[in-house]
């Protein structure tokens, strides 16, 4: 199992930027992929971005493409999410995720991730 702790959430005005960080610990040698999900009030949890742990392959949700950037540092076992040009609709609790199971399908749904952080709140005001 991998433990994940997020940091960096907060409040920002529309058009601003925030950077989220996630520290992984535990069985980090087993990580295959890392990513971020978010959940807004009254909505389902949705995919934001993911990256293969051992390559530069990255995927983004259409809603954040070109504004958000995921990164990971294998030496430090950290995952980052740089969020630029934030919009009020980006307001949500953001979750760092990790997976150590080989999957035959894209990891675009919450059910396909093994480990979750507790989440960090991001609020964007207009």
N, C-alpha and C. Protein backbone atom coordinates (compact mmCIF):
# COMPACT_ATOMS: atom_id res chain seq x y z
N UNK A 1 0.84 -1.19 0.00
CA UNK A 1 0.00 0.00 0.00
C UNK A 1 0.88 1.25 0.00
N UNK A 2 0.35 2.29 -0.64
CA UNK A 2 1.05 3.57 -0.71
C UNK A 2 0.23 4.62 0.02
N UNK A 3 0.89 5.37 0.88
CA UNK A 3 0.23 6.48 1.57
C UNK A 3 0.52 7.78 0.82
N UNK A 4 -0.52 8.61 0.71
CA UNK A 4 -0.41 9.85 -0.06
C UNK A 4 -0.90 11.02 0.79
N UNK A 5 -0.13 12.10 0.81
CA UNK A 5 -0.50 13.29 1.56
C UNK A 5 -0.39 14.50 0.64
N UNK A 6 -1.52 15.18 0.43
CA UNK A 6 -1.54 16.36 -0.43
C UNK A 6 -1.28 17.63 0.38
N UNK A 7 -0.80 18.66 -0.32
CA UNK A 7 -0.64 19.99 0.26
C UNK A 7 -0.73 21.01 -0.87
N UNK A 8 -0.92 22.26 -0.49
CA UNK A 8 -0.88 23.33 -1.49
C UNK A 8 -2.22 23.88 -1.90
N UNK A 9 -3.31 23.33 -1.38
CA UNK A 9 -4.61 23.88 -1.73
C UNK A 9 -4.80 25.26 -1.12
N UNK A 10 -5.88 25.91 -1.52
CA UNK A 10 -6.18 27.23 -0.97
C UNK A 10 -7.20 27.95 -1.82
N UNK A 11 -7.27 29.26 -1.60
CA UNK A 11 -8.22 30.10 -2.32
C UNK A 11 -7.48 31.05 -3.24
N UNK A 12 -8.04 31.25 -4.42
CA UNK A 12 -7.41 32.11 -5.40
C UNK A 12 -8.49 32.73 -6.28
N UNK A 13 -8.21 33.87 -6.85
CA UNK A 13 -9.16 34.48 -7.77
C UNK A 13 -9.04 33.87 -9.15
N UNK A 14 -10.09 33.99 -9.92
CA UNK A 14 -10.08 33.47 -11.28
C UNK A 14 -8.92 34.07 -12.06
N UNK A 15 -8.27 33.21 -12.83
CA UNK A 15 -7.09 33.62 -13.58
C UNK A 15 -5.78 33.38 -12.85
N UNK A 16 -5.87 33.08 -11.57
CA UNK A 16 -4.67 32.86 -10.78
C UNK A 16 -4.13 31.44 -10.91
N UNK A 17 -3.12 31.15 -10.11
CA UNK A 17 -2.43 29.86 -10.16
C UNK A 17 -2.27 29.28 -8.77
N UNK A 18 -2.22 27.97 -8.72
CA UNK A 18 -1.91 27.24 -7.51
C UNK A 18 -1.10 26.01 -7.90
N UNK A 19 -0.28 25.55 -6.97
CA UNK A 19 0.46 24.32 -7.20
C UNK A 19 0.17 23.37 -6.04
N UNK A 20 -0.30 22.19 -6.40
CA UNK A 20 -0.54 21.13 -5.43
C UNK A 20 0.65 20.18 -5.41
N UNK A 21 0.94 19.68 -4.24
CA UNK A 21 1.99 18.68 -4.08
C UNK A 21 1.45 17.46 -3.36
N UNK A 22 2.05 16.33 -3.63
CA UNK A 22 1.62 15.08 -3.00
C UNK A 22 2.87 14.28 -2.65
N UNK A 23 2.97 13.91 -1.38
CA UNK A 23 4.09 13.10 -0.92
C UNK A 23 3.65 11.65 -0.78
N UNK A 24 4.33 10.76 -1.45
CA UNK A 24 4.02 9.33 -1.37
C UNK A 24 4.99 8.64 -0.44
N UNK A 25 4.50 7.67 0.31
CA UNK A 25 5.34 6.87 1.20
C UNK A 25 4.79 5.45 1.23
N UNK A 26 5.53 4.57 1.84
CA UNK A 26 5.13 3.17 1.87
C UNK A 26 5.77 2.40 0.73
N UNK A 27 5.01 1.57 0.05
CA UNK A 27 5.51 0.72 -1.03
C UNK A 27 5.60 1.48 -2.35
N UNK A 28 6.39 2.53 -2.35
CA UNK A 28 6.49 3.38 -3.53
C UNK A 28 7.16 2.67 -4.69
N UNK A 29 7.93 1.64 -4.42
CA UNK A 29 8.60 0.90 -5.50
C UNK A 29 7.60 0.16 -6.38
N UNK A 30 6.37 0.00 -5.88
CA UNK A 30 5.35 -0.73 -6.63
C UNK A 30 4.46 0.20 -7.47
N UNK A 31 4.68 1.51 -7.39
CA UNK A 31 3.82 2.44 -8.11
C UNK A 31 3.99 2.27 -9.62
N UNK A 32 2.88 2.21 -10.32
CA UNK A 32 2.87 2.13 -11.77
C UNK A 32 2.43 3.45 -12.39
N UNK A 33 1.48 4.12 -11.72
CA UNK A 33 0.98 5.39 -12.24
C UNK A 33 0.56 6.28 -11.09
N UNK A 34 0.57 7.58 -11.33
CA UNK A 34 0.09 8.56 -10.36
C UNK A 34 -0.83 9.53 -11.07
N UNK A 35 -1.65 10.23 -10.29
CA UNK A 35 -2.57 11.15 -10.93
C UNK A 35 -3.31 12.01 -9.93
N UNK A 36 -4.26 12.77 -10.47
CA UNK A 36 -5.10 13.64 -9.67
C UNK A 36 -6.56 13.49 -10.13
N UNK A 37 -7.43 13.47 -9.14
CA UNK A 37 -8.87 13.54 -9.36
C UNK A 37 -9.40 14.74 -8.58
N UNK A 38 -10.62 15.13 -8.86
CA UNK A 38 -11.24 16.19 -8.09
C UNK A 38 -12.74 15.92 -7.93
N UNK A 39 -13.29 16.51 -6.90
CA UNK A 39 -14.71 16.36 -6.65
C UNK A 39 -15.29 17.68 -6.17
N UNK A 40 -16.20 18.21 -6.95
CA UNK A 40 -16.89 19.44 -6.60
C UNK A 40 -18.16 19.09 -5.81
N UNK A 41 -18.68 20.03 -5.04
CA UNK A 41 -19.89 19.76 -4.25
C UNK A 41 -21.05 19.30 -5.12
N UNK A 42 -21.67 18.20 -4.74
CA UNK A 42 -22.81 17.69 -5.47
C UNK A 42 -22.48 16.98 -6.77
N UNK A 43 -21.20 16.81 -7.06
CA UNK A 43 -20.80 16.15 -8.31
C UNK A 43 -19.98 14.91 -8.03
N UNK A 44 -19.88 14.07 -9.06
CA UNK A 44 -19.07 12.87 -8.93
C UNK A 44 -17.59 13.22 -9.03
N UNK A 45 -16.79 12.32 -8.49
CA UNK A 45 -15.35 12.49 -8.57
C UNK A 45 -14.93 12.34 -10.04
N UNK A 46 -14.07 13.24 -10.52
CA UNK A 46 -13.68 13.20 -11.92
C UNK A 46 -12.17 13.23 -12.10
N UNK A 47 -11.76 12.61 -13.20
CA UNK A 47 -10.35 12.54 -13.55
C UNK A 47 -9.82 13.92 -13.95
N UNK A 48 -8.60 14.24 -13.53
CA UNK A 48 -7.95 15.49 -13.90
C UNK A 48 -6.72 15.23 -14.75
N UNK A 49 -5.79 14.44 -14.23
CA UNK A 49 -4.55 14.17 -14.96
C UNK A 49 -3.91 12.91 -14.39
N UNK A 50 -3.11 12.26 -15.20
CA UNK A 50 -2.37 11.10 -14.72
C UNK A 50 -1.06 10.98 -15.49
N UNK A 51 -0.10 10.31 -14.88
CA UNK A 51 1.21 10.10 -15.50
C UNK A 51 1.73 8.73 -15.14
N UNK A 52 2.33 8.08 -16.11
CA UNK A 52 3.00 6.81 -15.83
C UNK A 52 4.20 7.07 -14.94
N UNK A 53 4.42 6.26 -13.95
CA UNK A 53 5.48 6.51 -12.98
C UNK A 53 6.86 6.38 -13.62
N UNK A 54 7.01 5.47 -14.56
CA UNK A 54 8.31 5.17 -15.15
C UNK A 54 8.48 5.69 -16.57
N UNK A 55 7.64 6.61 -16.98
CA UNK A 55 7.81 7.22 -18.29
C UNK A 55 7.22 8.62 -18.26
N UNK A 56 7.31 9.30 -19.39
CA UNK A 56 6.78 10.65 -19.48
C UNK A 56 5.38 10.69 -20.07
N UNK A 57 4.74 9.57 -20.16
CA UNK A 57 3.39 9.52 -20.74
C UNK A 57 2.41 10.20 -19.78
N UNK A 58 1.70 11.18 -20.32
CA UNK A 58 0.79 11.99 -19.52
C UNK A 58 -0.55 12.12 -20.24
N UNK A 59 -1.60 12.16 -19.44
CA UNK A 59 -2.96 12.36 -19.98
C UNK A 59 -3.67 13.42 -19.14
N UNK A 60 -4.50 14.22 -19.79
CA UNK A 60 -5.26 15.26 -19.11
C UNK A 60 -6.74 15.16 -19.50
N UNK A 61 -7.58 15.60 -18.58
CA UNK A 61 -8.98 15.80 -18.94
C UNK A 61 -9.07 16.99 -19.88
N UNK A 62 -10.04 16.94 -20.77
CA UNK A 62 -10.20 18.04 -21.73
C UNK A 62 -10.38 19.38 -21.02
N UNK A 63 -11.04 19.36 -19.87
CA UNK A 63 -11.36 20.59 -19.17
C UNK A 63 -10.13 21.31 -18.61
N UNK A 64 -9.02 20.60 -18.47
CA UNK A 64 -7.82 21.22 -17.89
C UNK A 64 -6.64 21.24 -18.85
N UNK A 65 -6.80 20.62 -20.01
CA UNK A 65 -5.72 20.57 -21.00
C UNK A 65 -5.24 21.97 -21.34
N UNK A 66 -3.94 22.18 -21.28
CA UNK A 66 -3.36 23.48 -21.59
C UNK A 66 -3.28 24.43 -20.42
N UNK A 67 -3.94 24.09 -19.31
CA UNK A 67 -3.91 24.96 -18.12
C UNK A 67 -3.21 24.29 -16.95
N UNK A 68 -3.34 22.99 -16.84
CA UNK A 68 -2.75 22.23 -15.74
C UNK A 68 -1.57 21.41 -16.24
N UNK A 69 -0.62 21.16 -15.35
CA UNK A 69 0.52 20.32 -15.69
C UNK A 69 0.86 19.41 -14.52
N UNK A 70 0.87 18.12 -14.80
CA UNK A 70 1.24 17.15 -13.78
C UNK A 70 2.73 16.84 -13.90
N UNK A 71 3.35 16.55 -12.77
CA UNK A 71 4.76 16.17 -12.77
C UNK A 71 5.00 15.19 -11.64
N UNK A 72 6.08 14.49 -11.75
CA UNK A 72 6.44 13.59 -10.65
C UNK A 72 7.96 13.53 -10.51
N UNK A 73 8.41 13.34 -9.28
CA UNK A 73 9.84 13.24 -8.97
C UNK A 73 10.03 11.88 -8.30
N UNK A 74 10.58 10.93 -9.05
CA UNK A 74 10.72 9.58 -8.52
C UNK A 74 11.70 9.52 -7.36
N UNK A 75 12.71 10.34 -7.40
CA UNK A 75 13.73 10.32 -6.34
C UNK A 75 13.13 10.79 -5.01
N UNK A 76 12.21 11.74 -5.09
CA UNK A 76 11.59 12.28 -3.87
C UNK A 76 10.22 11.67 -3.58
N UNK A 77 9.73 10.85 -4.50
CA UNK A 77 8.40 10.24 -4.37
C UNK A 77 7.31 11.30 -4.22
N UNK A 78 7.39 12.31 -5.05
CA UNK A 78 6.40 13.36 -5.01
C UNK A 78 5.69 13.49 -6.36
N UNK A 79 4.48 14.01 -6.29
CA UNK A 79 3.67 14.29 -7.47
C UNK A 79 3.18 15.72 -7.36
N UNK A 80 3.25 16.45 -8.44
CA UNK A 80 2.81 17.83 -8.43
C UNK A 80 1.70 18.07 -9.44
N UNK A 81 0.93 19.14 -9.20
CA UNK A 81 -0.07 19.58 -10.17
C UNK A 81 -0.03 21.10 -10.20
N UNK A 82 0.54 21.64 -11.26
CA UNK A 82 0.57 23.08 -11.46
C UNK A 82 -0.71 23.49 -12.15
N UNK A 83 -1.46 24.39 -11.54
CA UNK A 83 -2.75 24.81 -12.07
C UNK A 83 -2.70 26.29 -12.40
N UNK A 84 -2.84 26.61 -13.66
CA UNK A 84 -2.81 28.00 -14.13
C UNK A 84 -4.15 28.38 -14.74
N UNK A 85 -4.37 29.68 -14.88
CA UNK A 85 -5.61 30.19 -15.48
C UNK A 85 -6.83 29.54 -14.84
N UNK A 86 -6.83 29.53 -13.53
CA UNK A 86 -7.90 28.85 -12.81
C UNK A 86 -9.25 29.53 -13.03
N UNK A 87 -10.27 28.70 -13.04
CA UNK A 87 -11.64 29.15 -13.25
C UNK A 87 -12.50 28.76 -12.05
N UNK A 88 -13.60 29.46 -11.82
CA UNK A 88 -14.48 29.07 -10.70
C UNK A 88 -14.92 27.61 -10.78
N UNK A 89 -15.08 27.07 -11.97
CA UNK A 89 -15.49 25.68 -12.10
C UNK A 89 -14.39 24.69 -11.75
N UNK A 90 -13.19 25.18 -11.47
CA UNK A 90 -12.12 24.30 -10.98
C UNK A 90 -12.22 24.09 -9.47
N UNK A 91 -13.12 24.81 -8.82
CA UNK A 91 -13.31 24.66 -7.38
C UNK A 91 -13.72 23.23 -7.05
N UNK A 92 -12.95 22.60 -6.17
CA UNK A 92 -13.20 21.20 -5.82
C UNK A 92 -12.20 20.76 -4.75
N UNK A 93 -12.43 19.59 -4.22
CA UNK A 93 -11.42 18.92 -3.42
C UNK A 93 -10.58 18.09 -4.40
N UNK A 94 -9.29 18.26 -4.34
CA UNK A 94 -8.36 17.57 -5.25
C UNK A 94 -7.68 16.42 -4.50
N UNK A 95 -7.68 15.26 -5.16
CA UNK A 95 -7.12 14.05 -4.57
C UNK A 95 -5.94 13.56 -5.38
N UNK A 96 -4.88 13.25 -4.69
CA UNK A 96 -3.74 12.58 -5.30
C UNK A 96 -4.00 11.08 -5.28
N UNK A 97 -3.66 10.41 -6.38
CA UNK A 97 -3.91 8.96 -6.47
C UNK A 97 -2.67 8.24 -6.97
N UNK A 98 -2.58 6.97 -6.61
CA UNK A 98 -1.50 6.12 -7.09
C UNK A 98 -2.06 4.74 -7.38
N UNK A 99 -1.46 4.08 -8.33
CA UNK A 99 -1.91 2.74 -8.69
C UNK A 99 -0.72 1.80 -8.80
N UNK A 100 -0.86 0.61 -8.26
CA UNK A 100 0.21 -0.38 -8.36
C UNK A 100 -0.32 -1.68 -8.93
N UNK A 101 -1.38 -1.55 -9.73
CA UNK A 101 -1.97 -2.71 -10.40
C UNK A 101 -1.90 -2.53 -11.91
N UNK A 102 -1.45 -3.56 -12.59
CA UNK A 102 -1.41 -3.50 -14.05
C UNK A 102 -2.84 -3.50 -14.57
N UNK A 103 -3.17 -2.51 -15.42
CA UNK A 103 -4.52 -2.36 -15.95
C UNK A 103 -4.53 -2.54 -17.46
N UNK A 104 -5.63 -3.07 -17.95
CA UNK A 104 -5.80 -3.25 -19.39
C UNK A 104 -6.60 -2.12 -20.01
N UNK A 105 -7.06 -1.19 -19.17
CA UNK A 105 -7.88 -0.07 -19.67
C UNK A 105 -7.29 1.22 -19.13
N UNK A 106 -7.59 2.36 -19.75
CA UNK A 106 -7.10 3.65 -19.24
C UNK A 106 -7.62 3.92 -17.84
N UNK A 107 -6.78 4.51 -17.01
CA UNK A 107 -7.15 4.78 -15.63
C UNK A 107 -7.91 6.10 -15.52
N UNK A 108 -9.07 6.14 -16.13
CA UNK A 108 -9.82 7.39 -16.17
C UNK A 108 -10.98 7.44 -15.19
N UNK A 109 -11.17 6.36 -14.44
CA UNK A 109 -12.25 6.33 -13.46
C UNK A 109 -11.68 6.05 -12.07
N UNK A 110 -12.35 6.54 -11.04
CA UNK A 110 -11.83 6.37 -9.68
C UNK A 110 -11.60 4.91 -9.28
N UNK A 111 -12.42 4.03 -9.81
CA UNK A 111 -12.35 2.62 -9.41
C UNK A 111 -11.04 1.95 -9.81
N UNK A 112 -10.29 2.58 -10.74
CA UNK A 112 -9.07 1.96 -11.24
C UNK A 112 -7.82 2.44 -10.53
N UNK A 113 -7.98 3.04 -9.36
CA UNK A 113 -6.83 3.52 -8.60
C UNK A 113 -6.83 2.88 -7.22
N UNK A 114 -5.64 2.44 -6.81
CA UNK A 114 -5.52 1.70 -5.56
C UNK A 114 -5.47 2.59 -4.32
N UNK A 115 -4.75 3.69 -4.42
CA UNK A 115 -4.46 4.49 -3.23
C UNK A 115 -4.89 5.94 -3.43
N UNK A 116 -5.42 6.52 -2.35
CA UNK A 116 -5.94 7.88 -2.40
C UNK A 116 -5.43 8.70 -1.22
N UNK A 117 -5.14 9.97 -1.49
CA UNK A 117 -4.86 10.89 -0.42
C UNK A 117 -6.15 11.37 0.21
N UNK A 118 -6.03 12.21 1.24
CA UNK A 118 -7.21 12.70 1.94
C UNK A 118 -7.88 13.86 1.21
N UNK A 119 -7.17 14.48 0.31
CA UNK A 119 -7.73 15.58 -0.46
C UNK A 119 -7.34 16.94 0.08
N UNK A 120 -7.30 17.91 -0.82
CA UNK A 120 -7.01 19.28 -0.44
C UNK A 120 -7.97 20.19 -1.20
N UNK A 121 -8.50 21.19 -0.51
CA UNK A 121 -9.53 22.06 -1.08
C UNK A 121 -8.90 23.15 -1.94
N UNK A 122 -9.47 23.32 -3.13
CA UNK A 122 -9.11 24.43 -4.01
C UNK A 122 -10.38 25.22 -4.29
N UNK A 123 -10.32 26.52 -3.99
CA UNK A 123 -11.48 27.38 -4.20
C UNK A 123 -11.08 28.54 -5.11
N UNK A 124 -11.80 28.70 -6.20
CA UNK A 124 -11.52 29.76 -7.17
C UNK A 124 -12.72 30.70 -7.20
N UNK A 125 -12.48 31.96 -6.87
CA UNK A 125 -13.57 32.94 -6.83
C UNK A 125 -13.55 33.79 -8.10
N UNK A 126 -14.73 34.23 -8.48
CA UNK A 126 -14.85 35.03 -9.71
C UNK A 126 -14.67 36.51 -9.45
